Amino acid sequence: AESPQKQRPFKLRKLRSGTGSFHQNRTNDTVHTSIELCSLMRTIVDTEFFQRLRKLKQLGVTEHVYVNATHNRFEHSLGVAHLCHQRTQNLKQCQPQLGITEKDVM
């Protein structure tokens, strides 16, 4: 019988105290290298419901064929949040006529 892998608790490393609301927390990611999370996202990530995403595999049985191919919904969701932030920030800068605010970017 195989023993289940121990899940390490998710901990963000402190980046700096910066003035912007988005530059307070950073974590590492295998796809995006480094992801910054605002305090709102940090609060969401710390919920029990979001932490349960760690147990849901994104690639199904692929890891049985490709041992290093591991990815779960938790990692996927962090990546999605990171990409959404980048895209909305880019839209805010490139198309000011849209009236995108910092709250929209968060």
PDB file of N, CA and C in Angstrom:
ATOM      1  N   ALA A   1       0.840  -1.191   0.000  1.00  0.00           N
ATOM      2  CA  ALA A   1       0.000   0.000   0.000  1.00  0.00           C
ATOM      3  C   ALA A   1       0.879   1.246   0.000  1.00  0.00           C
ATOM      4  N   GLU A   2       0.526   2.169  -0.866  1.00  0.00           N
ATOM      5  CA  GLU A   2       1.289   3.410  -0.971  1.00  0.00           C
ATOM      6  C   GLU A   2       0.848   4.389   0.101  1.00  0.00           C
ATOM      7  N   SER A   3       1.802   5.111   0.643  1.00  0.00           N
ATOM      8  CA  SER A   3       1.442   6.133   1.623  1.00  0.00           C
ATOM      9  C   SER A   3       1.164   7.433   0.891  1.00  0.00           C
ATOM     10  N   PRO A   4       0.104   8.141   1.256  1.00  0.00           N
ATOM     11  CA  PRO A   4      -0.222   9.403   0.577  1.00  0.00           C
ATOM     12  C   PRO A   4       0.866  10.442   0.825  1.00  0.00           C
ATOM     13  N   GLN A   5       1.108  11.255  -0.216  1.00  0.00           N
ATOM     14  CA  GLN A   5       2.104  12.314  -0.077  1.00  0.00           C
ATOM     15  C   GLN A   5       1.615  13.349   0.913  1.00  0.00           C
ATOM     16  N   LYS A   6       2.538  13.834   1.734  1.00  0.00           N
ATOM     17  CA  LYS A   6       2.189  14.876   2.693  1.00  0.00           C
ATOM     18  C   LYS A   6       2.126  16.212   1.974  1.00  0.00           C
ATOM     19  N   GLN A   7       1.050  16.937   2.151  1.00  0.00           N
ATOM     20  CA  GLN A   7       0.905  18.266   1.568  1.00  0.00           C
ATOM     21  C   GLN A   7       1.537  19.285   2.493  1.00  0.00           C
ATOM     22  N   ARG A   8       2.466  20.042   1.966  1.00  0.00           N
ATOM     23  CA  ARG A   8       3.049  21.114   2.764  1.00  0.00           C
ATOM     24  C   ARG A   8       2.083  22.290   2.787  1.00  0.00           C
ATOM     25  N   PRO A   9       1.934  22.956   3.922  1.00  0.00           N
ATOM     26  CA  PRO A   9       1.033  24.113   3.975  1.00  0.00           C
ATOM     27  C   PRO A   9       1.549  25.221   3.062  1.00  0.00           C
ATOM     28  N   PHE A  10       0.619  25.891   2.413  1.00  0.00           N
ATOM     29  CA  PHE A  10       0.978  26.966   1.506  1.00  0.00           C
ATOM     30  C   PHE A  10       1.389  28.191   2.307  1.00  0.00           C
ATOM     31  N   LYS A  11       2.585  28.681   2.065  1.00  0.00           N
ATOM     32  CA  LYS A  11       3.056  29.876   2.747  1.00  0.00           C
ATOM     33  C   LYS A  11       3.664  30.825   1.729  1.00  0.00           C
ATOM     34  N   LEU A  12       3.182  32.044   1.722  1.00  0.00           N
ATOM     35  CA  LEU A  12       3.749  33.063   0.859  1.00  0.00           C
ATOM     36  C   LEU A  12       4.969  33.653   1.536  1.00  0.00           C
ATOM     37  N   ARG A  13       5.995  33.906   0.768  1.00  0.00           N
ATOM     38  CA  ARG A  13       7.153  34.559   1.354  1.00  0.00           C
ATOM     39  C   ARG A  13       6.970  36.061   1.240  1.00  0.00           C
ATOM     40  N   LYS A  14       7.380  36.783   2.249  1.00  0.00           N
ATOM     41  CA  LYS A  14       7.257  38.235   2.251  1.00  0.00           C
ATOM     42  C   LYS A  14       8.208  38.822   1.223  1.00  0.00           C
ATOM     43  N   LEU A  15       7.709  39.767   0.454  1.00  0.00           N
ATOM     44  CA  LEU A  15       8.527  40.411  -0.554  1.00  0.00           C
ATOM     45  C   LEU A  15       9.053  41.735  -0.027  1.00  0.00           C
ATOM     46  N   ARG A  16       8.175  42.636   0.221  1.00  0.00           N
ATOM     47  CA  ARG A  16       8.521  43.946   0.784  1.00  0.00           C
ATOM     48  C   ARG A  16       7.234  44.603   1.224  1.00  0.00           C
ATOM     49  N   SER A  17       7.367  45.642   1.984  1.00  0.00           N
ATOM     50  CA  SER A  17       6.170  46.287   2.511  1.00  0.00           C
ATOM     51  C   SER A  17       5.580  47.283   1.531  1.00  0.00           C
ATOM     52  N   GLY A  18       6.199  47.559   0.412  1.00  0.00           N
ATOM     53  CA  GLY A  18       5.774  48.462  -0.656  1.00  0.00           C
ATOM     54  C   GLY A  18       4.525  49.288  -0.428  1.00  0.00           C
ATOM     55  N   THR A  19       4.355  50.301  -1.232  1.00  0.00           N
ATOM     56  CA  THR A  19       3.203  51.178  -1.083  1.00  0.00           C
ATOM     57  C   THR A  19       1.991  50.646  -1.829  1.00  0.00           C
ATOM     58  N   GLY A  20       2.199  49.903  -2.924  1.00  0.00           N
ATOM     59  CA  GLY A  20       1.084  49.376  -3.693  1.00  0.00           C
ATOM     60  C   GLY A  20       0.440  48.203  -2.986  1.00  0.00           C
ATOM     61  N   SER A  21      -0.852  48.026  -3.209  1.00  0.00           N
ATOM     62  CA  SER A  21      -1.560  46.937  -2.542  1.00  0.00           C
ATOM     63  C   SER A  21      -1.217  45.589  -3.149  1.00  0.00           C
ATOM     64  N   PHE A  22      -0.650  45.574  -4.353  1.00  0.00           N
ATOM     65  CA  PHE A  22      -0.404  44.295  -5.022  1.00  0.00           C
ATOM     66  C   PHE A  22       0.980  43.739  -4.733  1.00  0.00           C
ATOM     67  N   HIS A  23       1.898  44.501  -4.196  1.00  0.00           N
ATOM     68  CA  HIS A  23       3.271  44.058  -4.027  1.00  0.00           C
ATOM     69  C   HIS A  23       3.587  43.625  -2.600  1.00  0.00           C
ATOM     70  N   GLN A  24       2.665  42.986  -1.939  1.00  0.00           N
ATOM     71  CA  GLN A  24       2.897  42.613  -0.558  1.00  0.00           C
ATOM     72  C   GLN A  24       3.319  41.162  -0.395  1.00  0.00           C
ATOM     73  N   ASN A  25       2.899  40.287  -1.284  1.00  0.00           N
ATOM     74  CA  ASN A  25       3.191  38.871  -1.146  1.00  0.00           C
ATOM     75  C   ASN A  25       3.598  38.281  -2.489  1.00  0.00           C
ATOM     76  N   ARG A  26       4.509  37.330  -2.413  1.00  0.00           N
ATOM     77  CA  ARG A  26       4.993  36.692  -3.631  1.00  0.00           C
ATOM     78  C   ARG A  26       5.189  35.209  -3.340  1.00  0.00           C
ATOM     79  N   THR A  27       4.919  34.388  -4.344  1.00  0.00           N
ATOM     80  CA  THR A  27       5.163  32.959  -4.232  1.00  0.00           C
ATOM     81  C   THR A  27       5.774  32.474  -5.535  1.00  0.00           C
ATOM     82  N   ASN A  28       6.398  31.323  -5.505  1.00  0.00           N
ATOM     83  CA  ASN A  28       7.018  30.765  -6.698  1.00  0.00           C
ATOM     84  C   ASN A  28       6.061  29.802  -7.381  1.00  0.00           C
ATOM     85  N   ASP A  29       6.193  29.732  -8.702  1.00  0.00           N
ATOM     86  CA  ASP A  29       5.339  28.880  -9.507  1.00  0.00           C
ATOM     87  C   ASP A  29       6.202  28.227 -10.578  1.00  0.00           C
ATOM     88  N   THR A  30       5.921  26.972 -10.911  1.00  0.00           N
ATOM     89  CA  THR A  30       6.737  26.275 -11.903  1.00  0.00           C
ATOM     90  C   THR A  30       6.528  26.810 -13.312  1.00  0.00           C
ATOM     91  N   VAL A  31       5.385  27.362 -13.607  1.00  0.00           N
ATOM     92  CA  VAL A  31       5.100  27.877 -14.948  1.00  0.00           C
ATOM     93  C   VAL A  31       5.457  29.352 -15.066  1.00  0.00           C
ATOM     94  N   HIS A  32       5.008  30.164 -14.119  1.00  0.00           N
ATOM     95  CA  HIS A  32       5.172  31.614 -14.195  1.00  0.00           C
ATOM     96  C   HIS A  32       6.341  32.138 -13.366  1.00  0.00           C
ATOM     97  N   THR A  33       7.138  31.276 -12.818  1.00  0.00           N
ATOM     98  CA  THR A  33       8.313  31.582 -12.015  1.00  0.00           C
ATOM     99  C   THR A  33       7.957  32.250 -10.692  1.00  0.00           C
ATOM    100  N   SER A  34       7.452  33.469 -10.735  1.00  0.00           N
ATOM    101  CA  SER A  34       7.147  34.199  -9.515  1.00  0.00           C
ATOM    102  C   SER A  34       5.803  34.902  -9.667  1.00  0.00           C
ATOM    103  N   ILE A  35       4.960  34.749  -8.665  1.00  0.00           N
ATOM    104  CA  ILE A  35       3.617  35.328  -8.711  1.00  0.00           C
ATOM    105  C   ILE A  35       3.431  36.239  -7.510  1.00  0.00           C
ATOM    106  N   GLU A  36       2.964  37.452  -7.775  1.00  0.00           N
ATOM    107  CA  GLU A  36       2.655  38.394  -6.700  1.00  0.00           C
ATOM    108  C   GLU A  36       1.151  38.338  -6.426  1.00  0.00           C
ATOM    109  N   LEU A  37       0.792  38.352  -5.156  1.00  0.00           N
ATOM    110  CA  LEU A  37      -0.612  38.305  -4.772  1.00  0.00           C
ATOM    111  C   LEU A  37      -0.955  39.509  -3.902  1.00  0.00           C
ATOM    112  N   CYS A  38      -2.064  40.152  -4.225  1.00  0.00           N
ATOM    113  CA  CYS A  38      -2.527  41.269  -3.403  1.00  0.00           C
ATOM    114  C   CYS A  38      -3.124  40.718  -2.112  1.00  0.00           C
ATOM    115  N   SER A  39      -3.409  41.590  -1.182  1.00  0.00           N
ATOM    116  CA  SER A  39      -3.941  41.148   0.114  1.00  0.00           C
ATOM    117  C   SER A  39      -5.303  40.469  -0.052  1.00  0.00           C
ATOM    118  N   LEU A  40      -6.115  40.918  -1.012  1.00  0.00           N
ATOM    119  CA  LEU A  40      -7.410  40.290  -1.259  1.00  0.00           C
ATOM    120  C   LEU A  40      -7.215  38.852  -1.735  1.00  0.00           C
ATOM    121  N   MET A  41      -6.302  38.664  -2.688  1.00  0.00           N
ATOM    122  CA  MET A  41      -6.046  37.319  -3.199  1.00  0.00           C
ATOM    123  C   MET A  41      -5.452  36.435  -2.109  1.00  0.00           C
ATOM    124  N   ARG A  42      -4.603  37.012  -1.295  1.00  0.00           N
ATOM    125  CA  ARG A  42      -4.002  36.256  -0.178  1.00  0.00           C
ATOM    126  C   ARG A  42      -5.098  35.764   0.764  1.00  0.00           C
ATOM    127  N   THR A  43      -6.063  36.607   1.041  1.00  0.00           N
ATOM    128  CA  THR A  43      -7.184  36.227   1.902  1.00  0.00           C
ATOM    129  C   THR A  43      -7.978  35.078   1.281  1.00  0.00           C
ATOM    130  N   ILE A  44      -8.200  35.152  -0.015  1.00  0.00           N
ATOM    131  CA  ILE A  44      -8.939  34.094  -0.714  1.00  0.00           C
ATOM    132  C   ILE A  44      -8.149  32.790  -0.698  1.00  0.00           C
ATOM    133  N   VAL A  45      -6.851  32.861  -0.978  1.00  0.00           N
ATOM    134  CA  VAL A  45      -5.987  31.680  -1.008  1.00  0.00           C
ATOM    135  C   VAL A  45      -5.954  30.992   0.358  1.00  0.00           C
ATOM    136  N   ASP A  46      -6.021  31.759   1.414  1.00  0.00           N
ATOM    137  CA  ASP A  46      -5.930  31.202   2.765  1.00  0.00           C
ATOM    138  C   ASP A  46      -7.217  30.532   3.245  1.00  0.00           C
ATOM    139  N   THR A  47      -8.291  30.589   2.449  1.00  0.00           N
ATOM    140  CA  THR A  47      -9.531  29.951   2.873  1.00  0.00           C
ATOM    141  C   THR A  47      -9.447  28.431   2.733  1.00  0.00           C
ATOM    142  N   GLU A  48     -10.210  27.745   3.530  1.00  0.00           N
ATOM    143  CA  GLU A  48     -10.244  26.277   3.492  1.00  0.00           C
ATOM    144  C   GLU A  48     -10.700  25.776   2.125  1.00  0.00           C
ATOM    145  N   PHE A  49     -11.661  26.464   1.519  1.00  0.00           N
ATOM    146  CA  PHE A  49     -12.201  26.032   0.229  1.00  0.00           C
ATOM    147  C   PHE A  49     -11.142  26.104  -0.870  1.00  0.00           C
ATOM    148  N   PHE A  50     -10.370  27.173  -0.871  1.00  0.00           N
ATOM    149  CA  PHE A  50      -9.325  27.323  -1.883  1.00  0.00           C
ATOM    150  C   PHE A  50      -8.215  26.296  -1.644  1.00  0.00           C
ATOM    151  N   GLN A  51      -7.876  26.050  -0.400  1.00  0.00           N
ATOM    152  CA  GLN A  51      -6.832  25.074  -0.075  1.00  0.00           C
ATOM    153  C   GLN A  51      -7.228  23.664  -0.502  1.00  0.00           C
ATOM    154  N   ARG A  52      -8.505  23.368  -0.553  1.00  0.00           N
ATOM    155  CA  ARG A  52      -8.963  22.048  -0.993  1.00  0.00           C
ATOM    156  C   ARG A  52      -8.630  21.783  -2.451  1.00  0.00           C
ATOM    157  N   LEU A  53      -8.377  22.842  -3.220  1.00  0.00           N
ATOM    158  CA  LEU A  53      -8.018  22.678  -4.633  1.00  0.00           C
ATOM    159  C   LEU A  53      -6.696  21.935  -4.801  1.00  0.00           C
ATOM    160  N   ARG A  54      -5.874  21.897  -3.767  1.00  0.00           N
ATOM    161  CA  ARG A  54      -4.595  21.176  -3.821  1.00  0.00           C
ATOM    162  C   ARG A  54      -4.802  19.693  -4.106  1.00  0.00           C
ATOM    163  N   LYS A  55      -5.928  19.148  -3.676  1.00  0.00           N
ATOM    164  CA  LYS A  55      -6.187  17.714  -3.816  1.00  0.00           C
ATOM    165  C   LYS A  55      -6.773  17.328  -5.165  1.00  0.00           C
ATOM    166  N   LEU A  56      -7.211  18.319  -5.946  1.00  0.00           N
ATOM    167  CA  LEU A  56      -7.815  18.044  -7.252  1.00  0.00           C
ATOM    168  C   LEU A  56      -6.744  18.112  -8.336  1.00  0.00           C
ATOM    169  N   LYS A  57      -6.513  16.987  -8.991  1.00  0.00           N
ATOM    170  CA  LYS A  57      -5.471  16.926 -10.008  1.00  0.00           C
ATOM    171  C   LYS A  57      -5.959  17.519 -11.322  1.00  0.00           C
ATOM    172  N   GLN A  58      -5.146  18.345 -11.921  1.00  0.00           N
ATOM    173  CA  GLN A  58      -5.476  19.001 -13.179  1.00  0.00           C
ATOM    174  C   GLN A  58      -5.227  18.073 -14.373  1.00  0.00           C
ATOM    175  N   LEU A  59      -4.247  17.169 -14.268  1.00  0.00           N
ATOM    176  CA  LEU A  59      -3.846  16.346 -15.400  1.00  0.00           C
ATOM    177  C   LEU A  59      -4.377  14.916 -15.344  1.00  0.00           C
ATOM    178  N   GLY A  60      -5.207  14.622 -14.387  1.00  0.00           N
ATOM    179  CA  GLY A  60      -5.786  13.285 -14.286  1.00  0.00           C
ATOM    180  C   GLY A  60      -4.734  12.212 -14.081  1.00  0.00           C
ATOM    181  N   VAL A  61      -4.771  11.170 -14.907  1.00  0.00           N
ATOM    182  CA  VAL A  61      -3.848  10.042 -14.761  1.00  0.00           C
ATOM    183  C   VAL A  61      -2.542  10.241 -15.517  1.00  0.00           C
ATOM    184  N   THR A  62      -2.346  11.408 -16.103  1.00  0.00           N
ATOM    185  CA  THR A  62      -1.127  11.688 -16.869  1.00  0.00           C
ATOM    186  C   THR A  62       0.130  11.472 -16.039  1.00  0.00           C
ATOM    187  N   GLU A  63       0.064  11.756 -14.752  1.00  0.00           N
ATOM    188  CA  GLU A  63       1.252  11.616 -13.912  1.00  0.00           C
ATOM    189  C   GLU A  63       1.706  10.161 -13.787  1.00  0.00           C
ATOM    190  N   HIS A  64       0.828   9.204 -14.110  1.00  0.00           N
ATOM    191  CA  HIS A  64       1.235   7.801 -14.086  1.00  0.00           C
ATOM    192  C   HIS A  64       2.116   7.466 -15.289  1.00  0.00           C
ATOM    193  N   VAL A  65       1.962   8.210 -16.371  1.00  0.00           N
ATOM    194  CA  VAL A  65       2.783   8.010 -17.564  1.00  0.00           C
ATOM    195  C   VAL A  65       4.012   8.909 -17.515  1.00  0.00           C
ATOM    196  N   TYR A  66       3.789  10.180 -17.190  1.00  0.00           N
ATOM    197  CA  TYR A  66       4.872  11.160 -17.085  1.00  0.00           C
ATOM    198  C   TYR A  66       4.998  11.551 -15.609  1.00  0.00           C
ATOM    199  N   VAL A  67       5.945  10.962 -14.943  1.00  0.00           N
ATOM    200  CA  VAL A  67       6.080  11.107 -13.491  1.00  0.00           C
ATOM    201  C   VAL A  67       6.196  12.573 -13.059  1.00  0.00           C
ATOM    202  N   ASN A  68       6.899  13.389 -13.811  1.00  0.00           N
ATOM    203  CA  ASN A  68       7.102  14.792 -13.429  1.00  0.00           C
ATOM    204  C   ASN A  68       5.938  15.696 -13.817  1.00  0.00           C
ATOM    205  N   ALA A  69       4.953  15.153 -14.500  1.00  0.00           N
ATOM    206  CA  ALA A  69       3.806  15.954 -14.928  1.00  0.00           C
ATOM    207  C   ALA A  69       2.780  16.007 -13.796  1.00  0.00           C
ATOM    208  N   THR A  70       2.977  16.904 -12.875  1.00  0.00           N
ATOM    209  CA  THR A  70       2.017  17.071 -11.783  1.00  0.00           C
ATOM    210  C   THR A  70       1.521  18.513 -11.798  1.00  0.00           C
ATOM    211  N   HIS A  71       0.248  18.655 -11.671  1.00  0.00           N
ATOM    212  CA  HIS A  71      -0.353  19.984 -11.658  1.00  0.00           C
ATOM    213  C   HIS A  71      -1.725  19.831 -11.018  1.00  0.00           C
ATOM    214  N   ASN A  72      -2.066  20.698 -10.097  1.00  0.00           N
ATOM    215  CA  ASN A  72      -3.376  20.600  -9.462  1.00  0.00           C
ATOM    216  C   ASN A  72      -4.157  21.895  -9.647  1.00  0.00           C
ATOM    217  N   ARG A  73      -5.411  21.866  -9.273  1.00  0.00           N
ATOM    218  CA  ARG A  73      -6.284  23.040  -9.443  1.00  0.00           C
ATOM    219  C   ARG A  73      -5.804  24.245  -8.636  1.00  0.00           C
ATOM    220  N   PHE A  74      -5.140  23.994  -7.529  1.00  0.00           N
ATOM    221  CA  PHE A  74      -4.607  25.074  -6.707  1.00  0.00           C
ATOM    222  C   PHE A  74      -3.564  25.863  -7.498  1.00  0.00           C
ATOM    223  N   GLU A  75      -2.571  25.151  -8.045  1.00  0.00           N
ATOM    224  CA  GLU A  75      -1.528  25.803  -8.841  1.00  0.00           C
ATOM    225  C   GLU A  75      -2.137  26.488 -10.060  1.00  0.00           C
ATOM    226  N   HIS A  76      -3.092  25.806 -10.694  1.00  0.00           N
ATOM    227  CA  HIS A  76      -3.752  26.364 -11.873  1.00  0.00           C
ATOM    228  C   HIS A  76      -4.462  27.678 -11.532  1.00  0.00           C
ATOM    229  N   SER A  77      -5.151  27.700 -10.407  1.00  0.00           N
ATOM    230  CA  SER A  77      -5.898  28.894  -9.998  1.00  0.00           C
ATOM    231  C   SER A  77      -4.974  30.063  -9.686  1.00  0.00           C
ATOM    232  N   LEU A  78      -3.828  29.786  -9.075  1.00  0.00           N
ATOM    233  CA  LEU A  78      -2.853  30.849  -8.827  1.00  0.00           C
ATOM    234  C   LEU A  78      -2.343  31.422 -10.151  1.00  0.00           C
ATOM    235  N   GLY A  79      -2.075  30.548 -11.105  1.00  0.00           N
ATOM    236  CA  GLY A  79      -1.617  30.993 -12.420  1.00  0.00           C
ATOM    237  C   GLY A  79      -2.661  31.823 -13.142  1.00  0.00           C
ATOM    238  N   VAL A  80      -3.908  31.409 -13.042  1.00  0.00           N
ATOM    239  CA  VAL A  80      -5.005  32.155 -13.680  1.00  0.00           C
ATOM    240  C   VAL A  80      -5.124  33.546 -13.061  1.00  0.00           C
ATOM    241  N   ALA A  81      -5.049  33.631 -11.738  1.00  0.00           N
ATOM    242  CA  ALA A  81      -5.119  34.933 -11.064  1.00  0.00           C
ATOM    243  C   ALA A  81      -3.965  35.831 -11.513  1.00  0.00           C
ATOM    244  N   HIS A  82      -2.788  35.253 -11.639  1.00  0.00           N
ATOM    245  CA  HIS A  82      -1.600  35.998 -12.080  1.00  0.00           C
ATOM    246  C   HIS A  82      -1.789  36.538 -13.504  1.00  0.00           C
ATOM    247  N   LEU A  83      -2.248  35.680 -14.410  1.00  0.00           N
ATOM    248  CA  LEU A  83      -2.451  36.101 -15.797  1.00  0.00           C
ATOM    249  C   LEU A  83      -3.559  37.138 -15.927  1.00  0.00           C
ATOM    250  N   CYS A  84      -4.625  36.992 -15.149  1.00  0.00           N
ATOM    251  CA  CYS A  84      -5.710  37.986 -15.170  1.00  0.00           C
ATOM    252  C   CYS A  84      -5.211  39.346 -14.710  1.00  0.00           C
ATOM    253  N   HIS A  85      -4.390  39.355 -13.679  1.00  0.00           N
ATOM    254  CA  HIS A  85      -3.831  40.616 -13.200  1.00  0.00           C
ATOM    255  C   HIS A  85      -2.965  41.263 -14.279  1.00  0.00           C
ATOM    256  N   GLN A  86      -2.123  40.465 -14.917  1.00  0.00           N
ATOM    257  CA  GLN A  86      -1.250  41.004 -15.970  1.00  0.00           C
ATOM    258  C   GLN A  86      -2.062  41.592 -17.122  1.00  0.00           C
ATOM    259  N   ARG A  87      -3.093  40.874 -17.549  1.00  0.00           N
ATOM    260  CA  ARG A  87      -3.898  41.329 -18.694  1.00  0.00           C
ATOM    261  C   ARG A  87      -4.684  42.592 -18.363  1.00  0.00           C
ATOM    262  N   THR A  88      -5.304  42.637 -17.185  1.00  0.00           N
ATOM    263  CA  THR A  88      -6.063  43.839 -16.850  1.00  0.00           C
ATOM    264  C   THR A  88      -5.134  45.039 -16.639  1.00  0.00           C
ATOM    265  N   GLN A  89      -3.952  44.809 -16.084  1.00  0.00           N
ATOM    266  CA  GLN A  89      -2.964  45.888 -15.924  1.00  0.00           C
ATOM    267  C   GLN A  89      -2.554  46.416 -17.303  1.00  0.00           C
ATOM    268  N   ASN A  90      -2.352  45.502 -18.238  1.00  0.00           N
ATOM    269  CA  ASN A  90      -1.967  45.878 -19.596  1.00  0.00           C
ATOM    270  C   ASN A  90      -3.092  46.668 -20.274  1.00  0.00           C
ATOM    271  N   LEU A  91      -4.338  46.213 -20.110  1.00  0.00           N
ATOM    272  CA  LEU A  91      -5.471  46.937 -20.681  1.00  0.00           C
ATOM    273  C   LEU A  91      -5.591  48.340 -20.084  1.00  0.00           C
ATOM    274  N   LYS A  92      -5.371  48.448 -18.802  1.00  0.00           N
ATOM    275  CA  LYS A  92      -5.442  49.747 -18.128  1.00  0.00           C
ATOM    276  C   LYS A  92      -4.426  50.720 -18.715  1.00  0.00           C
ATOM    277  N   GLN A  93      -3.216  50.230 -18.965  1.00  0.00           N
ATOM    278  CA  GLN A  93      -2.159  51.099 -19.490  1.00  0.00           C
ATOM    279  C   GLN A  93      -2.346  51.417 -20.968  1.00  0.00           C
ATOM    280  N   CYS A  94      -2.733  50.432 -21.760  1.00  0.00           N
ATOM    281  CA  CYS A  94      -2.817  50.609 -23.212  1.00  0.00           C
ATOM    282  C   CYS A  94      -4.125  51.236 -23.686  1.00  0.00           C
ATOM    283  N   GLN A  95      -5.181  51.101 -22.892  1.00  0.00           N
ATOM    284  CA  GLN A  95      -6.476  51.631 -23.296  1.00  0.00           C
ATOM    285  C   GLN A  95      -7.126  52.405 -22.142  1.00  0.00           C
ATOM    286  N   PRO A  96      -6.580  53.581 -21.833  1.00  0.00           N
ATOM    287  CA  PRO A  96      -7.108  54.363 -20.705  1.00  0.00           C
ATOM    288  C   PRO A  96      -8.569  54.778 -20.892  1.00  0.00           C
ATOM    289  N   GLN A  97      -9.038  54.807 -22.134  1.00  0.00           N
ATOM    290  CA  GLN A  97     -10.429  55.196 -22.395  1.00  0.00           C
ATOM    291  C   GLN A  97     -11.424  54.198 -21.804  1.00  0.00           C
ATOM    292  N   LEU A  98     -10.961  53.010 -21.446  1.00  0.00           N
ATOM    293  CA  LEU A  98     -11.848  52.025 -20.828  1.00  0.00           C
ATOM    294  C   LEU A  98     -12.168  52.363 -19.379  1.00  0.00           C
ATOM    295  N   GLY A  99     -11.351  53.230 -18.767  1.00  0.00           N
ATOM    296  CA  GLY A  99     -11.604  53.655 -17.392  1.00  0.00           C
ATOM    297  C   GLY A  99     -11.380  52.552 -16.364  1.00  0.00           C
ATOM    298  N   ILE A 100     -10.408  51.695 -16.588  1.00  0.00           N
ATOM    299  CA  ILE A 100     -10.113  50.601 -15.662  1.00  0.00           C
ATOM    300  C   ILE A 100      -9.412  51.184 -14.436  1.00  0.00           C
ATOM    301  N   THR A 101      -9.932  50.861 -13.261  1.00  0.00           N
ATOM    302  CA  THR A 101      -9.366  51.377 -12.000  1.00  0.00           C
ATOM    303  C   THR A 101      -8.460  50.325 -11.351  1.00  0.00           C
ATOM    304  N   GLU A 102      -7.745  50.739 -10.308  1.00  0.00           N
ATOM    305  CA  GLU A 102      -6.898  49.803  -9.560  1.00  0.00           C
ATOM    306  C   GLU A 102      -7.753  48.708  -8.921  1.00  0.00           C
ATOM    307  N   LYS A 103      -8.962  49.050  -8.527  1.00  0.00           N
ATOM    308  CA  LYS A 103      -9.858  48.058  -7.939  1.00  0.00           C
ATOM    309  C   LYS A 103     -10.227  47.000  -8.982  1.00  0.00           C
ATOM    310  N   ASP A 104     -10.417  47.420 -10.226  1.00  0.00           N
ATOM    311  CA  ASP A 104     -10.706  46.478 -11.316  1.00  0.00           C
ATOM    312  C   ASP A 104      -9.515  45.553 -11.542  1.00  0.00           C
ATOM    313  N   VAL A 105      -8.314  46.081 -11.438  1.00  0.00           N
ATOM    314  CA  VAL A 105      -7.101  45.291 -11.664  1.00  0.00           C
ATOM    315  C   VAL A 105      -6.942  44.242 -10.582  1.00  0.00           C
ATOM    316  N   MET A 106      -7.301  44.587  -9.335  1.00  0.00           N
ATOM    317  CA  MET A 106      -7.189  43.616  -8.241  1.00  0.00           C
ATOM    318  C   MET A 106      -8.065  42.441  -8.534  1.00  0.00           C
TER     319      MET A 106
END
